[in-house]
Protein backbone atom coordinates (compact mmCIF):
# COMPACT_ATOMS: atom_id res chain seq x y z
CA UNK A 1 0.00 0.00 0.00
CA UNK A 2 1.04 3.64 -0.31
CA UNK A 3 1.12 6.22 2.47
CA UNK A 4 1.12 9.95 1.81
CA UNK A 5 2.90 12.08 4.42
CA UNK A 6 2.85 15.84 5.03
CA UNK A 7 5.22 17.90 2.91
CA UNK A 8 7.67 20.15 4.80
CA UNK A 9 5.71 22.94 6.45
CA UNK A 10 2.38 21.09 6.28
CA UNK A 11 0.49 19.97 9.36
CA UNK A 12 -1.38 17.38 7.31
CA UNK A 13 -0.85 15.89 3.86
CA UNK A 14 -2.93 17.08 0.91
CA UNK A 15 -5.61 14.61 -0.15
CA UNK A 16 -4.50 13.05 -3.47
CA UNK A 17 -6.67 13.48 -6.55
CA UNK A 18 -6.99 10.81 -9.28
CA UNK A 19 -5.83 13.22 -12.00
CA UNK A 20 -3.47 15.23 -9.79
CA UNK A 21 0.34 15.20 -9.65
CA UNK A 22 2.12 12.40 -7.79
CA UNK A 23 2.89 13.40 -4.21
CA UNK A 24 6.63 13.61 -3.53
CA UNK A 25 5.94 12.48 0.05
CA UNK A 26 4.30 9.19 -1.01
CA UNK A 27 5.98 5.95 0.07
CA UNK A 28 5.18 2.25 -0.39
CA UNK A 29 4.87 -0.01 2.66
CA UNK A 30 3.99 -3.60 3.37
CA UNK A 31 1.55 -3.69 6.32
CA UNK A 32 2.47 -5.95 9.20
CA UNK A 33 -1.20 -6.61 9.91
CA UNK A 34 -4.61 -5.49 8.66
CA UNK A 35 -7.74 -5.60 10.85
CA UNK A 36 -10.66 -4.45 8.67
CA UNK A 37 -13.29 -4.84 11.39
CA UNK A 38 -11.36 -2.47 13.66
CA UNK A 39 -10.29 -0.14 10.85
CA UNK A 40 -6.64 -0.69 11.80
CA UNK A 41 -3.41 -1.27 9.87
CA UNK A 42 -0.02 -1.93 11.47
CA UNK A 43 2.97 -0.35 9.71
CA UNK A 44 6.58 -0.79 10.80
CA UNK A 45 8.84 2.25 10.19
CA UNK A 46 12.64 2.34 10.19
CA UNK A 47 13.91 5.58 11.75
CA UNK A 48 16.87 6.41 9.51
CA UNK A 49 17.11 10.20 9.71
CA UNK A 50 15.64 12.77 7.33
CA UNK A 51 12.94 11.78 4.87
CA UNK A 52 9.15 12.18 4.72
CA UNK A 53 8.32 8.85 6.39
CA UNK A 54 11.13 8.68 8.94
CA UNK A 55 10.71 12.33 9.97
CA UNK A 56 6.96 11.86 10.43
CA UNK A 57 7.27 8.57 12.31
CA UNK A 58 9.81 10.02 14.76
CA UNK A 59 7.27 12.59 15.97
CA UNK A 60 4.00 10.70 15.36
CA UNK A 61 1.15 11.43 17.76
CA UNK A 62 -2.32 9.95 18.15
CA UNK A 63 -4.77 11.87 15.98
CA UNK A 64 -2.39 12.89 13.22
CA UNK A 65 -3.55 12.29 9.65
CA UNK A 66 -2.01 10.29 6.81
CA UNK A 67 -3.60 9.17 3.56
CA UNK A 68 -3.53 5.50 2.61
CA UNK A 69 -3.89 4.18 -0.95
CA UNK A 70 -4.12 0.57 -2.00
CA UNK A 71 -3.67 -2.24 -1.66
CA UNK A 72 -1.51 -2.77 -4.72
CA UNK A 73 -0.18 -6.02 -6.17
CA UNK A 74 2.21 -7.82 -3.86
CA UNK A 75 5.04 -10.26 -4.34
CA UNK A 76 3.77 -13.34 -6.19
CA UNK A 77 4.91 -16.49 -4.46
CA UNK A 78 6.31 -19.32 -6.57
CA UNK A 79 5.23 -22.35 -4.56
CA UNK A 80 6.84 -24.70 -7.09
CA UNK A 81 10.32 -23.50 -6.12
CA UNK A 82 12.46 -25.95 -4.12
CA UNK A 83 13.52 -23.19 -1.75
CA UNK A 84 12.41 -19.64 -0.94
CA UNK A 85 15.32 -17.31 -0.17
CA UNK A 86 14.67 -13.90 1.44
CA UNK A 87 17.66 -11.53 1.50
CA UNK A 88 17.40 -8.00 2.83
CA UNK A 89 18.01 -5.42 5.51
CA UNK A 90 15.84 -4.14 8.35
CA UNK A 91 13.66 -2.15 5.94
CA UNK A 92 12.49 -5.44 4.38
CA UNK A 93 11.33 -7.13 7.58
CA UNK A 94 7.59 -6.31 7.20
CA UNK A 95 7.61 -7.71 3.65
CA UNK A 96 9.51 -10.79 4.82
CA UNK A 97 7.03 -11.41 7.63
CA UNK A 98 4.11 -11.12 5.21
CA UNK A 99 5.73 -13.62 2.83
CA UNK A 100 6.60 -16.02 5.65
CA UNK A 101 3.02 -16.02 6.92
CA UNK A 102 1.73 -17.07 3.46
CA UNK A 103 4.08 -19.99 2.92
CA UNK A 104 2.72 -23.52 3.44
CA UNK A 105 4.21 -26.04 5.84
CA UNK A 106 5.71 -27.92 2.88
CA UNK A 107 7.91 -24.98 1.87
CA UNK A 108 11.56 -24.51 2.76
CA UNK A 109 12.72 -20.95 3.31
CA UNK A 110 16.06 -19.37 4.11
CA UNK A 111 16.15 -15.82 5.46
CA UNK A 112 19.23 -13.60 5.59
CA UNK A 113 18.71 -10.24 7.29
CA UNK A 114 21.15 -7.36 7.84
CA UNK A 115 20.46 -5.07 10.83
CA UNK A 116 22.35 -2.13 12.40
CA UNK A 117 22.89 -4.06 15.65
CA UNK A 118 21.81 -7.27 17.35
CA UNK A 119 19.10 -5.42 19.28
CA UNK A 120 17.09 -5.20 16.04
CA UNK A 121 16.77 -8.97 15.75
CA UNK A 122 13.30 -10.40 16.38
CA UNK A 123 11.55 -13.73 16.16
CA UNK A 124 10.41 -14.63 12.64
CA UNK A 125 7.67 -17.25 12.28
CA UNK A 126 6.24 -19.23 9.43
CA UNK A 127 4.34 -22.48 8.81
CA UNK A 128 7.29 -23.33 6.52
CA UNK A 129 10.59 -24.92 7.50
CA UNK A 130 12.59 -21.83 8.45
CA UNK A 131 16.34 -21.11 8.56
CA UNK A 132 17.14 -17.55 9.70
CA UNK A 133 20.54 -15.85 9.80
CA UNK A 134 21.06 -12.34 11.17
CA UNK A 135 24.13 -10.28 10.27
CA UNK A 136 25.15 -6.92 11.74
CA UNK A 137 25.85 -3.93 9.50
CA UNK A 138 26.84 -1.48 12.21
CA UNK A 139 25.65 2.07 12.69
CA UNK A 140 27.27 3.42 9.51
CA UNK A 141 24.75 3.16 6.68
CA UNK A 142 27.60 3.54 4.19
CA UNK A 143 28.25 -0.15 4.89
CA UNK A 144 24.74 -1.13 3.73
CA UNK A 145 24.75 -4.57 2.13
CA UNK A 146 28.36 -5.47 2.89
CA UNK A 147 27.46 -7.88 5.69
CA UNK A 148 24.89 -9.51 3.40
CA UNK A 149 27.50 -9.98 0.69
CA UNK A 150 29.98 -11.56 3.11
CA UNK A 151 27.35 -13.92 4.49
CA UNK A 152 26.25 -15.01 1.01
CA UNK A 153 29.82 -15.82 0.00
CA UNK A 154 30.33 -17.81 3.21
CA UNK A 155 27.13 -19.88 2.93
CA UNK A 156 25.89 -22.44 0.45
CA UNK A 157 24.38 -20.56 -2.50
CA UNK A 158 20.76 -20.75 -3.61
CA UNK A 159 20.17 -23.46 -6.19
CA UNK A 160 18.90 -23.24 -9.75
CA UNK A 161 15.44 -24.11 -8.37
CA UNK A 162 15.42 -21.39 -5.67
CA UNK A 163 13.24 -18.29 -5.73
CA UNK A 164 14.95 -15.18 -4.30
CA UNK A 165 13.32 -12.03 -2.92
CA UNK A 166 16.05 -9.38 -2.47
CA UNK A 167 15.14 -6.09 -0.79
CA UNK A 168 17.49 -3.55 0.77
CA UNK A 169 19.39 -0.32 0.03
CA UNK A 170 19.21 0.33 -3.73
CA UNK A 171 22.92 0.17 -4.60
CA UNK A 172 23.41 -2.86 -2.33
CA UNK A 173 20.49 -4.61 -4.03
CA UNK A 174 22.18 -4.19 -7.41
CA UNK A 175 25.55 -5.43 -6.09
CA UNK A 176 24.00 -8.47 -4.45
CA UNK A 177 21.96 -9.37 -7.51
CA UNK A 178 25.18 -9.17 -9.52
CA UNK A 179 26.85 -11.45 -6.96
CA UNK A 180 24.00 -13.94 -7.20
CA UNK A 181 24.04 -14.06 -10.99
CA UNK A 182 27.73 -13.63 -11.84
CA UNK A 183 29.45 -15.46 -8.99
CA UNK A 184 26.80 -17.83 -7.63
CA UNK A 185 25.26 -18.84 -10.95
CA UNK A 186 21.59 -17.91 -10.51
CA UNK A 187 19.48 -16.86 -13.45
CA UNK A 188 18.21 -13.29 -13.26
CA UNK A 189 14.64 -14.58 -13.63
CA UNK A 190 14.95 -16.30 -10.21
CA UNK A 191 15.45 -12.98 -8.42
CA UNK A 192 12.94 -10.28 -7.56
CA UNK A 193 14.78 -7.10 -6.50
CA UNK A 194 13.52 -4.10 -4.57
CA UNK A 195 15.52 -0.99 -3.66
CA UNK A 196 13.59 0.14 -0.59
CA UNK A 197 15.86 3.10 0.14
CA UNK A 198 18.98 4.78 -1.22
CA UNK A 199 21.91 6.09 0.76
CA UNK A 200 21.96 9.90 0.61
CA UNK A 201 18.54 10.22 -1.06
CA UNK A 202 15.49 11.44 0.85
CA UNK A 203 13.07 10.92 -2.06
CA UNK A 204 14.20 7.67 -3.60
CA UNK A 205 11.48 6.26 -5.92
CA UNK A 206 9.27 3.65 -4.26
CA UNK A 207 9.22 1.54 -7.43
CA UNK A 208 12.97 0.83 -7.75
CA UNK A 209 13.23 -2.74 -9.02
CA UNK A 210 16.80 -2.35 -10.26
CA UNK A 211 15.81 -2.88 -13.89
CA UNK A 212 18.67 -0.60 -14.98
CA UNK A 213 21.29 -3.02 -13.64
């Protein structure tokens, strides 16, 4: 789904119009939970400094207004794959948890998550057979993706029958996809990439699939 946040200087966001310009403060999120009867949606935010979503979330108060649009199409599971592989950083955890909840008990899934420190680790659950590895990036976001790359090189690679969901910092996503295809022998069609954020960019597009790489 998409959330529209206030622009700088606004107390509330402007209601979007179907034929109006795209809001620069619009961001895409995977909800952690949806409770239609209660009119509630749970959204997990990463506080990473300046940016429409992070800035708003850091000061959020009960009664403040956001606009929600969606839902849009989500990640399509390939249940015929021998193994599901989820690779990403802390920004991908809500998407990972949504995918894990949808997998059947017959599925095998490997999860590799990069976080700033061990305090960000949390229990991940799924009906599927689950193998989770956490790696620590450190506080410096300039190291985004490096711990993921090291862990991938040190572990057994995904197979030709694996399905990979890769979601993290945009440049790291491109490097890791290159590692998976060039060094580890995966076909590009096995990998779905998402650049959820970009180092140094406050308004990185929310539809970065790395198609330029």
